[in-house]
Protein backbone atom coordinates (compact mmCIF):
# COMPACT_ATOMS: atom_id res chain seq x y z
CA MET A 1 -17.60 -2.40 -33.86
CA HIS A 2 -15.30 -3.72 -36.58
CA ARG A 3 -11.99 -1.80 -36.54
CA THR A 4 -10.53 -1.23 -40.00
CA ARG A 5 -6.93 -0.78 -38.83
CA SER A 6 -4.34 -3.23 -37.53
CA ALA A 7 -2.38 -1.26 -34.90
CA LYS A 8 -4.31 -0.92 -31.64
CA ILE A 9 -4.87 2.05 -29.31
CA ILE A 10 -4.55 2.04 -25.52
CA ALA A 11 -6.18 4.90 -23.61
CA THR A 12 -5.38 5.70 -19.97
CA LEU A 13 -8.37 6.51 -17.77
CA GLY A 14 -8.21 9.19 -15.09
CA PRO A 15 -10.07 12.19 -13.67
CA ALA A 16 -10.88 13.49 -17.16
CA THR A 17 -12.37 10.17 -18.27
CA SER A 18 -14.16 8.67 -15.30
CA GLU A 19 -17.74 9.15 -16.45
CA PRO A 20 -19.31 6.15 -18.23
CA ALA A 21 -20.47 8.28 -21.15
CA VAL A 22 -16.92 9.56 -21.74
CA ILE A 23 -15.41 6.05 -21.54
CA GLU A 24 -17.91 4.86 -24.14
CA LYS A 25 -16.98 7.80 -26.37
CA LEU A 26 -13.30 6.82 -26.05
CA PHE A 27 -14.11 3.29 -27.15
CA ARG A 28 -16.25 4.42 -30.06
CA ALA A 29 -13.48 6.85 -31.09
CA GLY A 30 -11.00 3.97 -31.33
CA ALA A 31 -9.69 2.82 -27.95
CA ASP A 32 -9.15 -0.97 -27.93
CA VAL A 33 -7.64 -1.32 -24.45
CA PHE A 34 -8.06 0.81 -21.33
CA ARG A 35 -5.16 1.40 -18.94
CA LEU A 36 -5.75 1.83 -15.21
CA ASN A 37 -2.76 3.63 -13.70
CA PHE A 38 -2.49 2.48 -10.09
CA SER A 39 0.00 5.25 -9.33
CA HIS A 40 -3.12 7.42 -9.04
CA GLY A 41 -6.67 6.96 -7.82
CA ASN A 42 -8.06 4.55 -5.25
CA HIS A 43 -9.56 1.09 -5.48
CA ALA A 44 -13.12 2.43 -5.58
CA ASP A 45 -12.25 4.60 -8.61
CA HIS A 46 -10.69 1.68 -10.46
CA ARG A 47 -13.55 -0.68 -9.61
CA ALA A 48 -16.08 1.76 -11.04
CA ARG A 49 -14.05 2.08 -14.26
CA VAL A 50 -13.78 -1.69 -14.69
CA GLU A 51 -17.54 -2.07 -14.18
CA THR A 52 -18.16 0.65 -16.77
CA ILE A 53 -15.84 -0.99 -19.31
CA ARG A 54 -17.52 -4.36 -18.89
CA ALA A 55 -20.97 -2.77 -19.27
CA ILE A 56 -19.84 -1.12 -22.54
CA GLU A 57 -18.42 -4.46 -23.66
CA ARG A 58 -21.75 -6.18 -23.08
CA GLU A 59 -23.72 -3.41 -24.80
CA LEU A 60 -21.54 -3.20 -27.91
CA GLY A 61 -20.58 -6.88 -28.18
CA ARG A 62 -16.83 -6.44 -28.65
CA PRO A 63 -14.16 -7.68 -26.19
CA ILE A 64 -12.24 -4.84 -24.51
CA GLY A 65 -8.85 -5.29 -22.84
CA ILE A 66 -7.96 -3.78 -19.46
CA LEU A 67 -4.35 -3.10 -18.44
CA LEU A 68 -3.55 -2.69 -14.74
CA ASP A 69 -0.35 -0.63 -14.54
CA LEU A 70 1.40 -1.17 -11.20
CA GLN A 71 3.16 1.81 -9.65
CA GLY A 72 6.38 -0.02 -8.75
CA PRO A 73 9.07 1.41 -6.49
CA LYS A 74 9.31 5.19 -6.70
CA LEU A 75 12.53 6.94 -5.70
CA ARG A 76 11.83 10.40 -4.34
CA LEU A 77 13.46 13.15 -2.31
CA GLY A 78 12.12 13.97 1.13
CA GLU A 79 10.83 17.40 2.12
CA PHE A 80 12.43 20.88 2.17
CA GLU A 81 12.13 23.54 4.87
CA GLN A 82 10.61 26.02 2.44
CA GLY A 83 9.04 23.40 0.20
CA SER A 84 11.75 23.87 -2.40
CA ALA A 85 15.31 25.08 -3.00
CA THR A 86 17.28 26.42 -5.96
CA LEU A 87 20.56 24.66 -6.79
CA GLN A 88 23.24 26.47 -8.76
CA GLU A 89 25.65 24.80 -11.15
CA GLY A 90 28.91 23.98 -9.36
CA ASP A 91 27.35 23.93 -5.88
CA ASN A 92 27.97 21.05 -3.50
CA PHE A 93 24.80 19.21 -2.47
CA ARG A 94 24.46 16.41 0.08
CA LEU A 95 21.88 13.64 0.03
CA ASP A 96 21.38 11.50 3.12
CA LEU A 97 19.02 9.37 5.19
CA ASP A 98 18.39 12.09 7.79
CA PRO A 99 14.66 12.95 7.58
CA THR A 100 15.28 16.57 8.65
CA PRO A 101 13.80 18.87 5.95
CA GLY A 102 16.37 20.02 3.39
CA ASP A 103 17.69 23.32 2.06
CA ARG A 104 19.99 24.46 -0.76
CA GLU A 105 22.92 22.47 0.74
CA ARG A 106 21.31 19.11 1.52
CA ALA A 107 18.13 17.05 1.28
CA PRO A 108 16.81 13.76 2.62
CA LEU A 109 16.86 10.81 0.22
CA PRO A 110 15.13 7.98 2.16
CA HIS A 111 16.41 5.14 -0.03
CA PRO A 112 19.44 3.33 1.44
CA GLU A 113 19.45 1.02 -1.60
CA ILE A 114 20.60 3.95 -3.74
CA PHE A 115 23.64 4.66 -1.57
CA SER A 116 24.61 0.99 -1.59
CA ALA A 117 24.75 0.96 -5.42
CA LEU A 118 26.57 4.24 -6.11
CA GLU A 119 29.99 4.79 -7.61
CA VAL A 120 32.05 7.94 -7.91
CA GLY A 121 30.93 9.70 -11.09
CA THR A 122 27.38 8.31 -10.98
CA PHE A 123 24.74 10.85 -11.99
CA LEU A 124 21.54 11.34 -9.99
CA LEU A 125 18.76 12.91 -12.04
CA VAL A 126 16.09 14.88 -10.16
CA ASP A 127 12.67 15.88 -11.50
CA ASP A 128 12.88 13.97 -14.79
CA GLY A 129 16.48 15.04 -15.34
CA ARG A 130 15.92 18.78 -15.02
CA VAL A 131 18.55 18.81 -12.24
CA ARG A 132 21.69 16.66 -12.57
CA LEU A 133 23.96 15.78 -9.64
CA GLU A 134 27.30 13.99 -9.98
CA VAL A 135 28.50 11.83 -7.05
CA GLU A 136 31.94 12.79 -5.67
CA SER A 137 31.96 10.58 -2.57
CA PHE A 138 29.52 8.37 -0.67
CA ASP A 139 28.98 5.74 1.98
CA HIS A 140 26.00 3.61 2.93
CA GLU A 141 24.16 6.59 4.49
CA HIS A 142 24.96 9.63 2.33
CA ALA A 143 26.37 10.96 -0.94
CA LEU A 144 28.24 14.20 -1.60
CA THR A 145 27.47 15.53 -5.06
CA VAL A 146 28.28 18.44 -7.35
CA VAL A 147 25.46 20.18 -9.18
CA ARG A 148 26.16 19.81 -12.91
CA VAL A 149 22.81 21.17 -14.10
CA GLY A 150 21.08 23.50 -11.67
CA GLY A 151 17.45 24.32 -11.10
CA ASP A 152 14.65 24.17 -8.60
CA VAL A 153 14.07 21.05 -6.50
CA SER A 154 11.08 20.56 -4.24
CA ASP A 155 9.29 18.12 -1.96
CA HIS A 156 9.06 14.52 -3.15
CA LYS A 157 10.54 15.06 -6.61
CA GLY A 158 11.52 11.84 -8.36
CA VAL A 159 15.12 10.64 -8.56
CA ASN A 160 16.56 8.51 -11.37
CA VAL A 161 19.87 6.66 -11.23
CA PRO A 162 20.82 5.80 -14.83
CA ASN A 163 23.10 2.90 -15.74
CA VAL A 164 22.94 1.45 -12.22
CA VAL A 165 21.11 -1.75 -11.27
CA LEU A 166 19.50 -0.91 -7.94
CA PRO A 167 18.91 -3.64 -5.35
CA LEU A 168 15.20 -2.89 -5.24
CA PRO A 169 12.33 -5.36 -5.33
CA PRO A 170 10.28 -4.55 -8.44
CA ILE A 171 7.04 -5.16 -6.54
CA THR A 172 6.17 -3.16 -3.43
CA GLU A 173 3.63 -4.05 -0.78
CA LYS A 174 1.25 -1.56 -2.40
CA ASP A 175 1.75 -3.35 -5.73
CA ARG A 176 0.87 -6.69 -4.18
CA GLU A 177 -2.37 -5.30 -2.78
CA ASP A 178 -3.22 -3.57 -6.06
CA LEU A 179 -2.43 -6.71 -8.05
CA GLU A 180 -4.70 -8.94 -5.99
CA PHE A 181 -7.48 -6.36 -6.15
CA GLY A 182 -7.17 -6.06 -9.93
CA LEU A 183 -7.06 -9.81 -10.49
CA GLN A 184 -10.26 -10.18 -8.48
CA LEU A 185 -11.87 -7.62 -10.80
CA GLY A 186 -10.81 -9.68 -13.82
CA ILE A 187 -8.25 -7.40 -15.48
CA ASP A 188 -6.49 -8.83 -18.53
CA TRP A 189 -2.94 -7.45 -18.48
CA VAL A 190 -0.60 -6.43 -15.66
CA GLY A 191 2.06 -3.80 -16.40
CA LEU A 192 5.27 -4.20 -14.37
CA SER A 193 7.24 -1.00 -13.78
CA PHE A 194 10.95 -0.61 -13.06
CA VAL A 195 12.00 -3.87 -14.76
CA GLN A 196 15.77 -4.29 -14.57
CA ARG A 197 16.35 -8.03 -15.09
CA PRO A 198 14.49 -11.16 -16.20
CA GLU A 199 14.07 -12.28 -12.58
CA ASP A 200 11.75 -9.31 -12.00
CA CYS A 201 9.33 -10.71 -14.58
CA VAL A 202 9.47 -14.21 -13.10
CA LEU A 203 8.52 -12.87 -9.65
CA LEU A 204 5.39 -11.14 -10.91
CA ARG A 205 4.41 -14.01 -13.18
CA ASP A 206 4.42 -16.30 -10.14
CA LEU A 207 2.11 -13.88 -8.30
CA ILE A 208 -0.26 -13.58 -11.27
CA ASP A 209 -0.43 -17.37 -11.52
CA GLY A 210 -2.10 -17.47 -14.92
CA ARG A 211 -4.94 -15.10 -14.02
CA ALA A 212 -3.76 -12.39 -16.46
CA LEU A 213 -0.92 -11.75 -18.90
CA LEU A 214 2.29 -9.89 -18.06
CA MET A 215 3.45 -6.72 -19.83
CA CYS A 216 6.95 -5.55 -18.86
CA LYS A 217 7.57 -1.81 -19.06
CA LEU A 218 11.05 -1.04 -20.35
CA GLU A 219 12.01 2.25 -18.69
CA LYS A 220 15.48 1.45 -17.29
CA PRO A 221 18.59 1.29 -19.49
CA ALA A 222 19.68 -1.73 -17.41
CA ALA A 223 16.74 -3.63 -18.91
CA LEU A 224 18.18 -3.15 -22.40
CA LEU A 225 21.23 -5.17 -21.36
CA HIS A 226 18.94 -8.18 -20.86
CA LEU A 227 16.30 -7.34 -23.48
CA GLU A 228 15.97 -10.74 -25.13
CA GLU A 229 15.78 -12.58 -21.79
CA ILE A 230 13.16 -10.14 -20.45
CA ILE A 231 11.02 -10.51 -23.57
CA ASP A 232 11.22 -14.28 -23.24
CA GLU A 233 9.88 -14.06 -19.66
CA CYS A 234 6.86 -11.86 -20.36
CA ASP A 235 3.83 -11.81 -22.66
CA ALA A 236 4.27 -8.28 -24.02
CA VAL A 237 6.54 -5.26 -23.58
CA MET A 238 5.98 -1.53 -23.40
CA VAL A 239 8.48 1.07 -24.57
CA ALA A 240 7.93 3.43 -21.61
CA ARG A 241 9.66 6.45 -23.05
CA GLY A 242 9.06 8.69 -20.04
CA ASP A 243 11.61 7.31 -17.60
CA LEU A 244 13.60 5.70 -20.42
CA GLY A 245 13.98 9.14 -21.96
CA VAL A 246 15.22 10.53 -18.67
CA GLU A 247 17.94 7.93 -18.17
CA LEU A 248 19.05 7.68 -21.81
CA LEU A 249 20.29 10.58 -23.87
CA PRO A 250 17.47 11.92 -26.07
CA GLU A 251 19.24 10.83 -29.24
CA GLN A 252 19.47 7.26 -27.92
CA VAL A 253 15.72 6.76 -27.37
CA PRO A 254 14.67 6.26 -31.04
CA SER A 255 17.20 3.49 -31.65
CA ALA A 256 16.24 1.81 -28.36
CA GLN A 257 12.58 1.94 -29.40
CA LYS A 258 13.32 0.36 -32.77
CA ARG A 259 15.42 -2.35 -31.17
CA ILE A 260 12.64 -3.25 -28.72
CA LEU A 261 10.13 -3.38 -31.58
CA ARG A 262 12.40 -5.70 -33.60
CA GLU A 263 13.00 -8.05 -30.68
CA GLY A 264 9.33 -8.15 -29.71
CA ARG A 265 8.35 -9.01 -33.27
CA ARG A 266 11.05 -11.69 -33.41
CA ALA A 267 9.60 -13.33 -30.31
CA GLY A 268 6.00 -12.89 -31.43
CA LYS A 269 5.23 -10.75 -28.37
CA PRO A 270 3.12 -7.57 -28.63
CA VAL A 271 5.00 -4.27 -28.28
CA VAL A 272 3.33 -1.07 -27.05
CA VAL A 273 4.90 2.35 -27.68
CA ALA A 274 3.94 4.81 -24.94
CA THR A 275 4.45 8.25 -23.39
CA GLN A 276 4.28 11.74 -24.88
CA MET A 277 2.81 10.54 -28.15
CA LEU A 278 0.29 13.39 -28.48
CA GLU A 279 1.42 15.30 -25.39
CA SER A 280 0.37 18.74 -26.60
CA MET A 281 -3.25 17.53 -26.85
CA ILE A 282 -3.46 17.59 -23.07
CA ARG A 283 -4.23 21.28 -23.53
CA ALA A 284 -4.65 21.75 -27.30
CA PRO A 285 -7.29 20.33 -29.68
CA VAL A 286 -4.69 19.27 -32.26
CA PRO A 287 -1.20 17.76 -31.93
CA THR A 288 2.05 19.14 -33.23
CA ARG A 289 3.21 17.82 -36.58
CA ALA A 290 6.19 16.24 -34.82
CA GLU A 291 3.85 14.28 -32.53
CA ALA A 292 1.79 13.06 -35.47
CA SER A 293 5.01 11.91 -37.13
CA ASP A 294 6.07 10.18 -33.91
CA VAL A 295 2.87 8.11 -33.80
CA ALA A 296 3.21 7.34 -37.51
CA THR A 297 6.81 6.18 -37.08
CA ALA A 298 5.81 3.69 -34.38
CA VAL A 299 3.11 2.31 -36.68
CA TYR A 300 5.47 2.12 -39.68
CA ASP A 301 7.91 0.22 -37.45
CA GLY A 302 5.26 -2.41 -36.70
CA ALA A 303 4.11 -1.52 -33.17
CA ASP A 304 1.18 -3.60 -32.00
CA ALA A 305 -0.28 -0.68 -30.08
CA VAL A 306 0.28 2.99 -29.34
CA MET A 307 -0.73 4.43 -26.00
CA LEU A 308 -2.16 7.69 -24.69
CA SER A 309 -1.39 8.68 -21.08
CA GLY A 310 -2.04 12.19 -19.81
CA GLU A 311 -3.85 13.02 -23.03
CA THR A 312 -6.84 10.92 -21.97
CA ALA A 313 -6.30 10.70 -18.20
CA VAL A 314 -6.17 14.41 -17.35
CA GLY A 315 -6.34 16.24 -20.68
CA ASP A 316 -8.91 18.69 -21.97
CA TYR A 317 -9.43 16.75 -25.22
CA PRO A 318 -9.46 13.02 -24.37
CA VAL A 319 -11.91 11.85 -27.04
CA GLU A 320 -10.28 14.06 -29.67
CA SER A 321 -6.89 12.56 -28.76
CA VAL A 322 -8.13 9.02 -29.40
CA ALA A 323 -9.83 10.08 -32.62
CA MET A 324 -6.65 11.80 -33.80
CA MET A 325 -4.53 8.75 -33.07
CA ASP A 326 -7.07 6.59 -34.88
CA ARG A 327 -6.84 8.84 -37.94
CA ILE A 328 -3.04 8.82 -37.93
CA VAL A 329 -2.94 5.01 -37.78
CA HIS A 330 -5.48 4.71 -40.59
CA GLU A 331 -3.51 7.12 -42.76
CA VAL A 332 -0.26 5.19 -42.26
CA GLU A 333 -1.86 1.85 -43.01
CA LYS A 334 -3.28 3.19 -46.29
CA ASP A 335 0.24 4.05 -47.46
CA PRO A 336 1.58 1.40 -49.91
CA TYR A 337 5.01 1.86 -48.31
CA TYR A 338 3.57 0.61 -45.00
CA ARG A 339 2.74 -2.77 -46.52
CA LYS A 340 6.15 -2.90 -48.23
CA GLY A 341 7.76 -2.19 -44.87
CA MET A 342 5.83 -4.99 -43.16
CA THR A 343 6.91 -7.38 -45.91
CA ALA A 344 10.55 -6.26 -45.67
CA GLN A 345 10.51 -6.88 -41.91
CA HIS A 346 9.20 -10.42 -42.36
CA LEU A 347 10.89 -12.98 -40.13
CA ASP A 348 11.52 -16.65 -40.73
CA PRO A 349 9.09 -18.93 -38.90
CA GLU A 350 10.33 -20.98 -35.99
CA PRO A 351 10.44 -24.78 -36.54
CA THR A 352 7.09 -25.51 -34.88
CA THR A 353 3.80 -26.77 -36.27
CA ALA A 354 1.98 -23.58 -35.22
CA ASP A 355 4.52 -21.35 -37.00
CA ALA A 356 4.47 -23.52 -40.12
CA ILE A 357 0.67 -23.31 -40.27
CA CYS A 358 0.60 -19.55 -39.64
CA TYR A 359 3.36 -18.94 -42.18
CA ALA A 360 1.41 -20.95 -44.73
CA LEU A 361 -1.78 -19.11 -43.74
CA GLN A 362 -0.22 -15.78 -44.65
CA ALA A 363 1.28 -17.13 -47.89
CA VAL A 364 -1.97 -18.73 -49.04
CA ALA A 365 -3.97 -15.60 -48.18
CA GLN A 366 -1.57 -13.45 -50.19
CA THR A 367 -1.45 -15.82 -53.15
CA LEU A 368 -5.24 -16.09 -53.36
CA SER A 369 -5.78 -12.40 -52.51
CA VAL A 370 -8.31 -13.24 -49.81
CA SER A 371 -9.51 -10.50 -47.48
CA THR A 372 -9.84 -12.59 -44.33
CA THR A 373 -7.95 -15.24 -42.40
CA VAL A 374 -9.73 -17.02 -39.56
CA ILE A 375 -7.93 -18.43 -36.52
CA TYR A 376 -9.57 -20.79 -34.07
CA THR A 377 -7.72 -20.43 -30.77
CA SER A 378 -8.24 -21.34 -27.14
CA SER A 379 -5.24 -19.73 -25.45
CA GLY A 380 -4.58 -17.01 -28.05
CA PHE A 381 -1.18 -18.42 -29.02
CA SER A 382 -2.18 -19.19 -32.62
CA ALA A 383 -3.52 -15.66 -33.08
CA LEU A 384 -0.23 -14.26 -31.76
CA ARG A 385 1.78 -16.34 -34.22
CA ALA A 386 -0.52 -15.29 -37.06
CA ALA A 387 -0.10 -11.62 -36.10
CA ARG A 388 3.70 -12.07 -36.12
CA GLU A 389 3.42 -12.69 -39.86
CA ARG A 390 1.75 -9.27 -40.33
CA PRO A 391 -0.58 -10.56 -43.07
CA GLN A 392 -2.32 -8.19 -45.44
CA ALA A 393 -5.60 -10.03 -44.85
CA ALA A 394 -7.56 -9.35 -41.68
CA ILE A 395 -7.17 -11.78 -38.77
CA LEU A 396 -10.51 -12.91 -37.37
CA SER A 397 -9.83 -14.76 -34.12
CA LEU A 398 -12.58 -17.12 -32.91
CA THR A 399 -12.27 -18.34 -29.34
CA PRO A 400 -14.47 -19.94 -26.70
CA SER A 401 -12.70 -17.89 -24.00
CA VAL A 402 -13.75 -14.31 -23.30
CA ASN A 403 -10.51 -13.86 -21.35
CA THR A 404 -8.49 -14.81 -24.44
CA ALA A 405 -10.53 -12.44 -26.60
CA ARG A 406 -9.93 -9.54 -24.21
CA ARG A 407 -6.20 -10.24 -23.99
CA LEU A 408 -5.87 -10.27 -27.76
CA ALA A 409 -7.30 -6.73 -27.96
CA VAL A 410 -3.74 -5.37 -27.75
CA VAL A 411 -2.40 -7.54 -30.59
CA TRP A 412 -1.77 -6.18 -34.09
CA GLY A 413 -4.51 -6.96 -36.59
CA VAL A 414 -6.50 -9.37 -34.41
CA HIS A 415 -10.28 -9.00 -34.21
CA SER A 416 -11.71 -11.45 -31.66
CA VAL A 417 -15.16 -12.96 -31.40
CA VAL A 418 -16.26 -15.26 -28.57
CA ILE A 419 -17.99 -18.42 -29.79
CA GLU A 420 -18.91 -21.83 -28.50
CA ASP A 421 -16.52 -24.66 -29.32
CA VAL A 422 -17.06 -26.16 -32.77
CA GLN A 423 -17.50 -29.92 -33.01
CA GLY A 424 -16.24 -30.82 -36.46
CA THR A 425 -14.58 -29.58 -39.64
CA GLN A 426 -17.81 -28.66 -41.44
CA GLN A 427 -19.12 -26.73 -38.44
CA MET A 428 -15.74 -25.00 -38.29
CA ILE A 429 -16.06 -23.88 -41.93
CA ASP A 430 -19.71 -22.87 -41.58
CA ARG A 431 -19.09 -20.82 -38.43
CA ALA A 432 -16.00 -19.12 -39.86
CA SER A 433 -17.87 -18.23 -43.06
CA GLN A 434 -20.87 -16.91 -41.17
CA LEU A 435 -18.82 -14.71 -38.82
CA ALA A 436 -16.49 -13.41 -41.53
CA VAL A 437 -19.58 -11.98 -43.27
CA GLN A 438 -21.37 -10.97 -40.07
CA GLU A 439 -18.34 -9.05 -38.73
CA GLY A 440 -17.89 -7.20 -42.01
CA PHE A 441 -14.62 -8.77 -43.17
CA ALA A 442 -15.78 -10.81 -46.18
CA GLU A 443 -18.63 -11.09 -48.66
CA HIS A 444 -20.72 -14.01 -49.81
CA GLY A 445 -18.91 -15.91 -52.56
CA GLU A 446 -15.43 -14.90 -51.38
CA ARG A 447 -12.74 -17.28 -50.16
CA ILE A 448 -11.32 -17.32 -46.65
CA VAL A 449 -8.36 -19.19 -45.17
CA ILE A 450 -8.85 -20.98 -41.86
CA ALA A 451 -6.30 -22.26 -39.32
CA ALA A 452 -7.33 -24.44 -36.41
CA GLY A 453 -6.22 -27.27 -34.19
CA MET A 454 -7.56 -30.77 -33.91
CA PRO A 455 -8.93 -31.97 -31.63
CA PHE A 456 -10.97 -28.76 -31.39
CA GLY A 457 -10.85 -26.82 -28.13
CA THR A 458 -7.42 -28.09 -27.13
CA ALA A 459 -4.78 -25.39 -26.59
CA GLY A 460 -1.51 -25.67 -28.50
CA THR A 461 -2.71 -28.00 -31.26
CA THR A 462 -2.74 -25.74 -34.35
CA ASN A 463 -2.27 -28.27 -37.13
CA LEU A 464 -4.95 -27.64 -39.76
CA LEU A 465 -5.14 -25.21 -42.70
CA ARG A 466 -8.23 -24.98 -44.86
CA VAL A 467 -9.29 -22.79 -47.79
CA ALA A 468 -13.05 -22.36 -47.96
CA ARG A 469 -15.45 -20.39 -50.12
CA ILE A 470 -18.31 -18.61 -48.39
CA PRO A 471 -21.56 -19.76 -50.01
CA LYS A 472 -23.20 -17.21 -52.24
CA LYS A 473 -26.19 -15.49 -50.79
CA ARG A 474 -29.39 -17.32 -51.72
CA ARG A 475 -31.92 -15.25 -53.60
CA GLY A 476 -34.52 -13.92 -51.22
CA SER A 477 -32.45 -14.53 -48.09
CA THR A 478 -31.63 -11.74 -45.66
């Protein structure tokens, strides 16, 4: 199951993709990581999906990553007498803590933390911004607003408060239960929603306690004010363009996405671009040309992974959506301009031994025109630093840890194989040569470049660079 592209694909599982045969088809079509959205489904559903993924992993012999996406705090209206109401532009509309069902003049908003953070002129966006309310006055129990963009509102519609840092804990009691359940199942990544500040990441990292890696979802403009600090506190970031696109102006989202991609690359942290990538394929067998260009742009900009949400979770064409994304990524990466762009975006290495080795690894591979670089890694850190260089040669990551191999499934260009620890330099060369051929990256007689750490099996010791030639195939051997 050797992938011949560098950017990875994340597919969200849901009602449309619960059957084991469909999940296997998604993987064969190109999915590298599966996302479990804990905003939907129950624990039994998610357990069955994890068991299916691990069975496919064993059958096909390739590590598969699993991302647990926590729901996070959701801000929603209460209920309406008739189930909904129509608000007209210019109308006055009251929001308050009173649970009495609402009408066209008022509605319950059972979130006192919102009222405590408001200012006059603050906008409240209802139903993904379809209805916009401007605050005229407020206290700690209510807000009087003017309808600036009218429309229908109904029971439990979501509410966004852009440009306001809300005093909300990023992790709810439901999230804590879901997190512990997922960690017991052995998930690889945890997605944190509603990140506003670096402290939010620190809280979840403490709860994870090394049992998985942390991916922070950037969907609040407030997070962009602390972008570098948030990236430093997590292991990967996701450009969650759904809520981000509600709270930012549409024309601001592309530049925010590019900035997040640049900062993630600078830090050597994977960046996932998500939401509405092939949205029309929820109901259509092909995407719009604009959607195909959107996926391509993320790949040209150096995204580690692109993600499908509703397309695979509830869509009519989940396998076709993955296959289409796979084809788009392949097409981009064949373009000579793509490689020129990766080279132009190259960053200076940090003054560490690991960065010096990985920088040299890329330079040597390019100078010698080798097809494969091999990284021995225990924690995955060396593979991450090698991927930061965006080498033209493939990155074959050899690790004794299946957890590390699964976590690296989201990282640009990294193909992981689980092996036993090597015991010496010659065994290191022999094993790297054997697997480079076996996995389809190199041929007998070709050169490979190897990076490793000595003593072997010790995390954080990358200090060795070796050029080796794979022995030519002996006549008569198979």
